[in-house]
Amino acid sequence: LSPMRAAVLRAYRAPLSLETVADPVCEPDGVVLKVLACGICRSDWHGWVGEHPKVKPGDIPGHEYCGEVVEAGPLAKWRVGERVIAPFILACGDCPECRSGQTTTCRAQRVPGFGDRGAYAEFVSVPHAHNLTRLPESLTPALAAGLGCRVTTAFHALTGRAALQAGEWLAVHGTGGIGLSCLLIGKALGARVIVVDVVPEKLTHAKALGAEAAVDARHGDVAAQIIEITGGGAHVSVEALGIETTANASLRCLRPLGRHVQVGLPVGHTATMQIDVNAIYMRQLSVFGTRGMPAWRYPTLLSLIETGRVDVSPIVARTVALSPAPEDLRALDGPTAPGVAVITDFTG
């Protein structure tokens, strides 16, 4: 490897510093990847603003990426030249949680960009390479990176946690990458989807992608509107922002015995919220937390994408170079345009 370029966090809320840094070290059970693409995620923003406890100055962000193997450790099954996609939770494979298949709750998990060096860089070291999955030929690196956190998390939230069924009403609060993913997957599963946002352009975009109804959260009582549209409330509701207003709207829009799924990251000043527990009690709701997707579920999702049963192409709105990536982080301070940004040029 040649000395690599990376975008380094030197101060919270400051532009990332483009620097030449030491090459990543390949661990015995890991690989080093040449990064082909890396998504810019709201979770990165939480670290950039200083609200994530594991993100410190000097760190390299980036946790949803795909790449080409350029070095493999003696215990890794991968070969140089293979293209792979990585889950953001790198599970050890040996603890009781991993042995039960619940690898997203691994006791010894490692997360690039949150404790380990991330993929806003030309190369990244990936320990526990048994978590990786081969990248299908039909999937572009940009699209693979765009689904690395958002689509996988949404898929597991709806299928592995909430057990969404065809014909059920699904409410999605927030139409960023996670919200759009929930819409597309929900539609593919046969659900009837309602989206909620404060950006008219995003609501229009979501309806064009198949949302049955769109609710502008700036006007009126969101939960009451959803209850009216659905004739009694959603069966499943996804909170995709991690803030108090949308968490409560998600709970209150459910019908009796409904399922709330907390996908948005509550951290920093939103880690503790005032939640309508009475709604949970009176409607006998189920509340699911979810984070990531077990690596063993990747082939199932990728096969749905490869065969056209789930079209995730609307997720990626634009590709950018490494140098302006901080501007996309800063944009997450407020309402954003539809779709997500993915870094595909690591030289500019």
Protein backbone atom coordinates (compact mmCIF):
# COMPACT_ATOMS: atom_id res chain seq x y z
CA LEU A 1 0.00 0.00 0.00
CA SER A 2 1.10 3.56 -0.60
CA PRO A 3 0.54 6.17 2.15
CA MET A 4 -3.17 6.81 2.04
CA ARG A 5 -5.40 9.83 2.12
CA ALA A 6 -8.13 10.04 4.72
CA ALA A 7 -10.61 12.59 6.08
CA VAL A 8 -9.78 13.03 9.77
CA LEU A 9 -11.93 14.57 12.50
CA ARG A 10 -9.69 17.12 14.23
CA ALA A 11 -12.38 19.16 16.01
CA TYR A 12 -16.11 18.70 16.41
CA ARG A 13 -18.21 20.60 13.87
CA ALA A 14 -15.06 21.67 12.01
CA PRO A 15 -14.31 20.67 8.41
CA LEU A 16 -12.69 17.25 8.27
CA SER A 17 -8.95 17.44 7.63
CA LEU A 18 -7.71 15.72 4.46
CA GLU A 19 -4.43 14.12 5.49
CA THR A 20 -1.90 11.47 4.52
CA VAL A 21 -2.04 8.90 7.29
CA ALA A 22 -0.37 5.60 8.16
CA ASP A 23 -1.53 2.55 6.25
CA PRO A 24 -4.06 0.32 8.02
CA VAL A 25 -2.73 -2.86 9.64
CA CYS A 26 -4.20 -6.19 8.57
CA GLU A 27 -5.34 -8.26 11.57
CA PRO A 28 -4.93 -12.07 11.57
CA ASP A 29 -8.67 -12.73 11.07
CA GLY A 30 -9.19 -9.64 8.94
CA VAL A 31 -8.54 -7.99 5.61
CA VAL A 32 -7.51 -4.61 4.32
CA LEU A 33 -9.84 -3.18 1.69
CA LYS A 34 -9.29 -0.58 -0.97
CA VAL A 35 -12.43 1.44 -0.35
CA LEU A 36 -14.59 1.62 -3.48
CA ALA A 37 -17.39 3.66 -1.91
CA CYS A 38 -18.47 4.90 1.52
CA GLY A 39 -21.85 6.36 2.47
CA ILE A 40 -22.29 9.57 4.46
CA CYS A 41 -24.71 8.73 7.26
CA ARG A 42 -26.57 10.58 10.00
CA SER A 43 -24.71 8.39 12.50
CA ASP A 44 -21.48 9.97 11.19
CA TRP A 45 -23.08 13.35 11.85
CA HIS A 46 -23.76 12.39 15.48
CA GLY A 47 -20.03 11.72 15.88
CA TRP A 48 -18.99 14.85 13.96
CA VAL A 49 -21.04 17.14 16.25
CA GLY A 50 -19.50 15.51 19.36
CA GLU A 51 -22.57 13.64 20.63
CA HIS A 52 -21.35 10.07 20.18
CA PRO A 53 -19.23 8.84 23.11
CA LYS A 54 -16.97 6.68 20.93
CA VAL A 55 -16.00 9.40 18.44
CA LYS A 56 -12.95 11.49 19.38
CA PRO A 57 -10.75 14.03 17.58
CA GLY A 58 -8.18 12.15 15.51
CA ASP A 59 -10.69 9.54 14.36
CA ILE A 60 -11.54 8.69 10.76
CA PRO A 61 -15.33 8.41 10.22
CA GLY A 62 -17.15 6.09 7.83
CA HIS A 63 -19.02 2.87 8.58
CA GLU A 64 -21.02 1.93 5.46
CA TYR A 65 -18.61 0.88 2.77
CA CYS A 66 -17.62 -1.73 0.25
CA GLY A 67 -14.20 -2.48 -1.11
CA GLU A 68 -11.69 -4.73 -2.81
CA VAL A 69 -9.44 -6.99 -0.77
CA VAL A 70 -5.80 -5.88 -1.09
CA GLU A 71 -4.45 -7.86 1.88
CA ALA A 72 -5.82 -10.83 3.84
CA GLY A 73 -4.77 -12.19 7.23
CA PRO A 74 -3.89 -15.88 7.65
CA LEU A 75 -7.23 -16.62 9.37
CA ALA A 76 -9.37 -14.77 6.82
CA LYS A 77 -11.14 -16.69 4.05
CA TRP A 78 -10.93 -13.89 1.51
CA ARG A 79 -8.43 -13.53 -1.35
CA VAL A 80 -6.80 -10.46 -2.83
CA GLY A 81 -8.96 -8.98 -5.60
CA GLU A 82 -12.34 -10.08 -4.24
CA ARG A 83 -15.00 -7.39 -3.81
CA VAL A 84 -16.95 -7.42 -0.57
CA ILE A 85 -19.56 -5.50 1.40
CA ALA A 86 -19.23 -5.01 5.15
CA PRO A 87 -21.84 -4.74 7.89
CA PHE A 88 -21.08 -1.86 10.24
CA ILE A 89 -21.20 -4.17 13.28
CA LEU A 90 -18.21 -6.51 13.04
CA ALA A 91 -19.10 -9.37 15.37
CA CYS A 92 -16.53 -11.65 17.03
CA GLY A 93 -18.34 -14.88 16.15
CA ASP A 94 -17.49 -16.58 19.46
CA CYS A 95 -19.54 -14.99 22.27
CA PRO A 96 -22.92 -16.46 23.36
CA GLU A 97 -24.82 -13.79 21.40
CA CYS A 98 -22.90 -14.55 18.20
CA ARG A 99 -23.32 -18.30 18.65
CA SER A 100 -27.08 -17.78 18.92
CA GLY A 101 -27.09 -15.85 15.64
CA GLN A 102 -27.80 -12.47 17.27
CA THR A 103 -24.54 -10.97 16.05
CA THR A 104 -25.75 -7.35 16.24
CA THR A 105 -25.60 -7.72 20.04
CA CYS A 106 -22.06 -9.19 20.05
CA ARG A 107 -20.22 -8.51 23.33
CA ALA A 108 -16.93 -7.83 21.56
CA GLN A 109 -18.24 -6.03 18.48
CA ARG A 110 -16.15 -3.49 16.63
CA VAL A 111 -17.54 -0.65 14.53
CA PRO A 112 -15.45 1.29 11.98
CA GLY A 113 -15.75 5.02 12.58
CA PHE A 114 -16.88 4.42 16.17
CA GLY A 115 -13.79 3.19 17.99
CA ASP A 116 -12.00 1.74 14.94
CA ARG A 117 -10.65 3.72 12.00
CA GLY A 118 -13.41 4.25 9.46
CA ALA A 119 -13.69 4.28 5.68
CA TYR A 120 -13.53 7.98 4.81
CA ALA A 121 -10.18 6.84 3.47
CA GLU A 122 -8.51 5.09 0.54
CA PHE A 123 -8.03 1.91 2.58
CA VAL A 124 -9.64 0.42 5.68
CA SER A 125 -8.73 -2.50 7.94
CA VAL A 126 -11.64 -4.87 8.62
CA PRO A 127 -11.21 -7.27 11.56
CA HIS A 128 -13.47 -10.32 11.92
CA ALA A 129 -13.65 -10.68 8.14
CA HIS A 130 -16.09 -13.61 8.48
CA ASN A 131 -18.74 -10.84 8.64
CA LEU A 132 -18.09 -9.81 5.03
CA THR A 133 -20.23 -10.86 2.06
CA ARG A 134 -19.22 -11.04 -1.58
CA LEU A 135 -20.45 -8.03 -3.57
CA PRO A 136 -22.76 -9.10 -6.42
CA GLU A 137 -21.54 -8.11 -9.88
CA SER A 138 -24.82 -6.35 -10.60
CA LEU A 139 -24.47 -3.99 -7.64
CA THR A 140 -22.45 -0.81 -8.18
CA PRO A 141 -20.08 0.14 -5.35
CA ALA A 142 -22.03 3.36 -4.75
CA LEU A 143 -25.29 1.48 -4.32
CA ALA A 144 -23.64 -1.19 -2.18
CA ALA A 145 -22.27 1.48 0.16
CA GLY A 146 -25.63 3.22 0.25
CA LEU A 147 -27.29 0.04 1.49
CA GLY A 148 -24.45 -0.90 3.87
CA CYS A 149 -26.15 0.69 6.87
CA ARG A 150 -29.48 2.08 5.76
CA VAL A 151 -31.10 -0.72 3.72
CA THR A 152 -29.72 -3.54 5.88
CA THR A 153 -30.90 -1.88 9.09
CA ALA A 154 -34.33 -1.22 7.58
CA PHE A 155 -34.64 -4.79 6.30
CA HIS A 156 -33.82 -6.29 9.69
CA ALA A 157 -36.07 -3.78 11.49
CA LEU A 158 -39.08 -4.76 9.37
CA THR A 159 -38.47 -8.49 8.93
CA GLY A 160 -36.28 -9.58 11.84
CA ARG A 161 -37.84 -7.41 14.54
CA ALA A 162 -41.36 -6.17 13.66
CA ALA A 163 -42.30 -9.15 11.43
CA LEU A 164 -44.15 -6.86 8.99
CA GLN A 165 -46.84 -8.73 7.04
CA ALA A 166 -48.32 -8.12 3.60
CA GLY A 167 -51.42 -5.93 3.82
CA GLU A 168 -50.40 -4.23 7.07
CA TRP A 169 -50.09 -0.47 7.39
CA LEU A 170 -46.52 0.75 7.93
CA ALA A 171 -45.86 4.32 9.12
CA VAL A 172 -42.37 5.73 8.55
CA HIS A 173 -41.36 8.84 10.51
CA GLY A 174 -38.51 10.55 8.66
CA THR A 175 -37.63 9.90 5.02
CA GLY A 176 -33.84 9.99 5.09
CA GLY A 177 -31.84 6.93 4.06
CA ILE A 178 -33.45 4.67 6.67
CA GLY A 179 -36.95 5.98 5.98
CA LEU A 180 -36.63 5.60 2.22
CA SER A 181 -35.27 2.08 2.73
CA CYS A 182 -38.25 1.20 4.95
CA LEU A 183 -40.61 2.53 2.28
CA LEU A 184 -39.02 0.49 -0.53
CA ILE A 185 -38.73 -2.71 1.53
CA GLY A 186 -42.19 -2.26 3.05
CA LYS A 187 -43.68 -1.94 -0.42
CA ALA A 188 -41.79 -5.03 -1.60
CA LEU A 189 -43.17 -6.98 1.37
CA GLY A 190 -46.72 -5.98 0.41
CA ALA A 191 -47.34 -3.41 3.16
CA ARG A 192 -49.28 -0.16 2.73
CA VAL A 193 -46.87 2.65 3.57
CA ILE A 194 -47.41 6.12 5.01
CA VAL A 195 -44.44 8.49 5.23
CA VAL A 196 -43.99 11.49 7.53
CA ASP A 197 -41.54 14.37 7.05
CA VAL A 198 -41.24 18.16 7.19
CA VAL A 199 -39.77 18.60 3.69
CA PRO A 200 -42.46 18.73 0.96
CA GLU A 201 -39.94 17.65 -1.70
CA LYS A 202 -39.18 14.47 0.27
CA LEU A 203 -42.86 13.69 0.72
CA THR A 204 -43.46 14.10 -3.02
CA HIS A 205 -40.42 11.92 -3.74
CA ALA A 206 -41.71 9.21 -1.37
CA LYS A 207 -45.15 9.20 -2.99
CA ALA A 208 -43.51 8.81 -6.39
CA LEU A 209 -41.73 5.73 -4.99
CA GLY A 210 -44.99 4.14 -3.90
CA ALA A 211 -46.00 5.63 -0.55
CA GLU A 212 -49.78 5.44 -0.28
CA ALA A 213 -50.00 8.60 1.80
CA ALA A 214 -47.65 11.36 2.95
CA VAL A 215 -48.10 13.45 6.10
CA ASP A 216 -46.44 16.86 6.52
CA ALA A 217 -45.46 16.97 10.20
CA ARG A 218 -45.53 20.79 10.18
CA HIS A 219 -49.32 20.77 9.95
CA GLY A 220 -51.70 19.17 12.43
CA ASP A 221 -51.51 16.12 14.66
CA VAL A 222 -49.43 13.49 12.83
CA ALA A 223 -50.71 10.52 14.84
CA ALA A 224 -54.35 11.56 14.44
CA GLN A 225 -53.90 11.90 10.68
CA ILE A 226 -52.35 8.44 10.41
CA ILE A 227 -55.11 6.90 12.52
CA GLU A 228 -57.68 8.47 10.21
CA ILE A 229 -55.93 7.38 6.99
CA THR A 230 -55.50 3.81 8.22
CA GLY A 231 -58.91 3.45 9.82
CA GLY A 232 -57.58 2.83 13.30
CA GLY A 233 -53.81 3.20 13.25
CA ALA A 234 -50.70 1.65 11.73
CA HIS A 235 -49.77 -1.95 12.51
CA VAL A 236 -46.06 -1.10 12.46
CA SER A 237 -44.40 2.29 12.91
CA VAL A 238 -40.73 3.07 12.38
CA GLU A 239 -39.02 6.03 14.06
CA ALA A 240 -36.09 6.93 11.80
CA LEU A 241 -34.71 10.13 13.37
CA GLY A 242 -34.02 9.48 17.06
CA ILE A 243 -35.85 12.50 18.50
CA GLU A 244 -38.67 12.86 21.03
CA THR A 245 -41.32 14.36 18.75
CA THR A 246 -41.16 11.60 16.16
CA ALA A 247 -40.76 8.83 18.76
CA ASN A 248 -44.03 9.87 20.41
CA ALA A 249 -45.80 10.36 17.08
CA SER A 250 -44.70 6.85 16.15
CA LEU A 251 -46.13 5.36 19.35
CA ARG A 252 -49.37 7.33 19.20
CA CYS A 253 -50.12 6.51 15.55
CA LEU A 254 -50.31 2.76 16.23
CA ARG A 255 -53.50 0.71 16.55
CA PRO A 256 -53.95 -1.57 19.60
CA LEU A 257 -51.27 -4.30 19.67
CA GLY A 258 -49.20 -2.31 17.17
CA ARG A 259 -45.39 -2.52 16.93
CA HIS A 260 -43.07 0.49 17.28
CA VAL A 261 -39.52 0.05 15.96
CA GLN A 262 -36.82 2.43 17.19
CA VAL A 263 -34.32 2.74 14.35
CA GLY A 264 -33.26 6.39 14.73
CA LEU A 265 -30.18 6.76 16.93
CA PRO A 266 -30.95 8.45 20.28
CA VAL A 267 -27.59 9.72 21.51
CA GLY A 268 -26.22 12.78 23.27
CA HIS A 269 -29.04 15.17 24.16
CA THR A 270 -31.67 12.77 22.76
CA ALA A 271 -30.43 9.67 24.62
CA THR A 272 -33.09 10.24 27.29
CA MET A 273 -36.57 11.37 26.23
CA GLN A 274 -40.04 11.83 27.65
CA ILE A 275 -42.03 9.00 26.08
CA ASP A 276 -45.79 8.41 26.12
CA VAL A 277 -45.74 5.21 28.18
CA ASN A 278 -49.51 5.49 28.63
CA ALA A 279 -49.93 4.83 24.90
CA ILE A 280 -47.76 1.72 25.23
CA TYR A 281 -49.83 0.55 28.22
CA MET A 282 -53.35 1.36 27.02
CA ARG A 283 -52.86 0.05 23.47
CA GLN A 284 -50.71 -2.86 24.62
CA LEU A 285 -47.99 -1.95 22.14
CA SER A 286 -44.76 -3.79 21.43
CA VAL A 287 -41.61 -1.65 21.36
CA PHE A 288 -38.57 -2.93 19.49
CA GLY A 289 -35.07 -1.54 19.49
CA THR A 290 -33.00 -2.47 16.46
CA ARG A 291 -29.48 -1.77 15.24
CA GLY A 292 -27.86 -3.13 12.11
CA MET A 293 -28.44 -6.57 10.64
CA PRO A 294 -26.74 -9.90 11.35
CA ALA A 295 -24.11 -10.62 8.71
CA TRP A 296 -25.66 -14.02 7.93
CA ARG A 297 -28.79 -12.26 6.63
CA TYR A 298 -26.88 -10.34 3.91
CA PRO A 299 -27.21 -13.02 1.19
CA THR A 300 -31.00 -13.07 1.62
CA LEU A 301 -31.27 -9.32 1.17
CA LEU A 302 -28.76 -9.21 -1.68
CA SER A 303 -30.67 -11.94 -3.55
CA LEU A 304 -33.87 -9.87 -3.31
CA ILE A 305 -31.98 -6.88 -4.74
CA GLU A 306 -30.24 -8.90 -7.47
CA THR A 307 -33.50 -10.45 -8.69
CA GLY A 308 -35.25 -7.08 -8.76
CA ARG A 309 -37.72 -7.83 -5.98
CA VAL A 310 -36.37 -4.84 -4.05
CA ASP A 311 -35.14 -1.82 -6.01
CA VAL A 312 -32.83 0.22 -3.80
CA SER A 313 -31.47 2.47 -6.55
CA PRO A 314 -33.52 5.51 -5.37
CA ILE A 315 -31.52 5.55 -2.10
CA VAL A 316 -28.36 7.10 -3.59
CA ALA A 317 -29.01 10.65 -4.75
CA ARG A 318 -25.46 11.72 -5.52
CA THR A 319 -21.82 10.68 -5.41
CA VAL A 320 -19.10 12.97 -4.07
CA ALA A 321 -15.34 13.15 -3.63
CA LEU A 322 -13.60 12.78 -0.27
CA SER A 323 -12.74 16.48 -0.04
CA PRO A 324 -16.27 17.98 0.02
CA ALA A 325 -17.70 15.19 2.18
CA PRO A 326 -17.79 17.44 5.28
CA GLU A 327 -20.32 19.68 3.54
CA ASP A 328 -22.71 16.73 3.35
CA LEU A 329 -22.19 16.15 7.07
CA ARG A 330 -22.93 19.80 7.83
CA ALA A 331 -26.10 19.60 5.72
CA LEU A 332 -27.52 17.07 8.19
CA ASP A 333 -27.89 19.92 10.71
CA GLY A 334 -31.20 20.70 9.03
CA PRO A 335 -33.76 19.24 6.64
CA THR A 336 -32.09 17.68 3.60
CA ALA A 337 -32.99 16.84 0.00
CA PRO A 338 -34.17 13.32 -0.90
CA GLY A 339 -31.62 10.50 -1.04
CA VAL A 340 -28.14 10.06 0.40
CA ALA A 341 -24.60 10.98 -0.62
CA VAL A 342 -21.87 8.40 -1.18
CA ILE A 343 -18.13 9.03 -1.46
CA THR A 344 -16.78 7.32 -4.58
CA ASP A 345 -13.72 9.49 -5.40
CA PHE A 346 -10.96 9.14 -2.82
CA THR A 347 -8.38 11.20 -4.70
CA GLY A 348 -10.32 14.47 -5.05
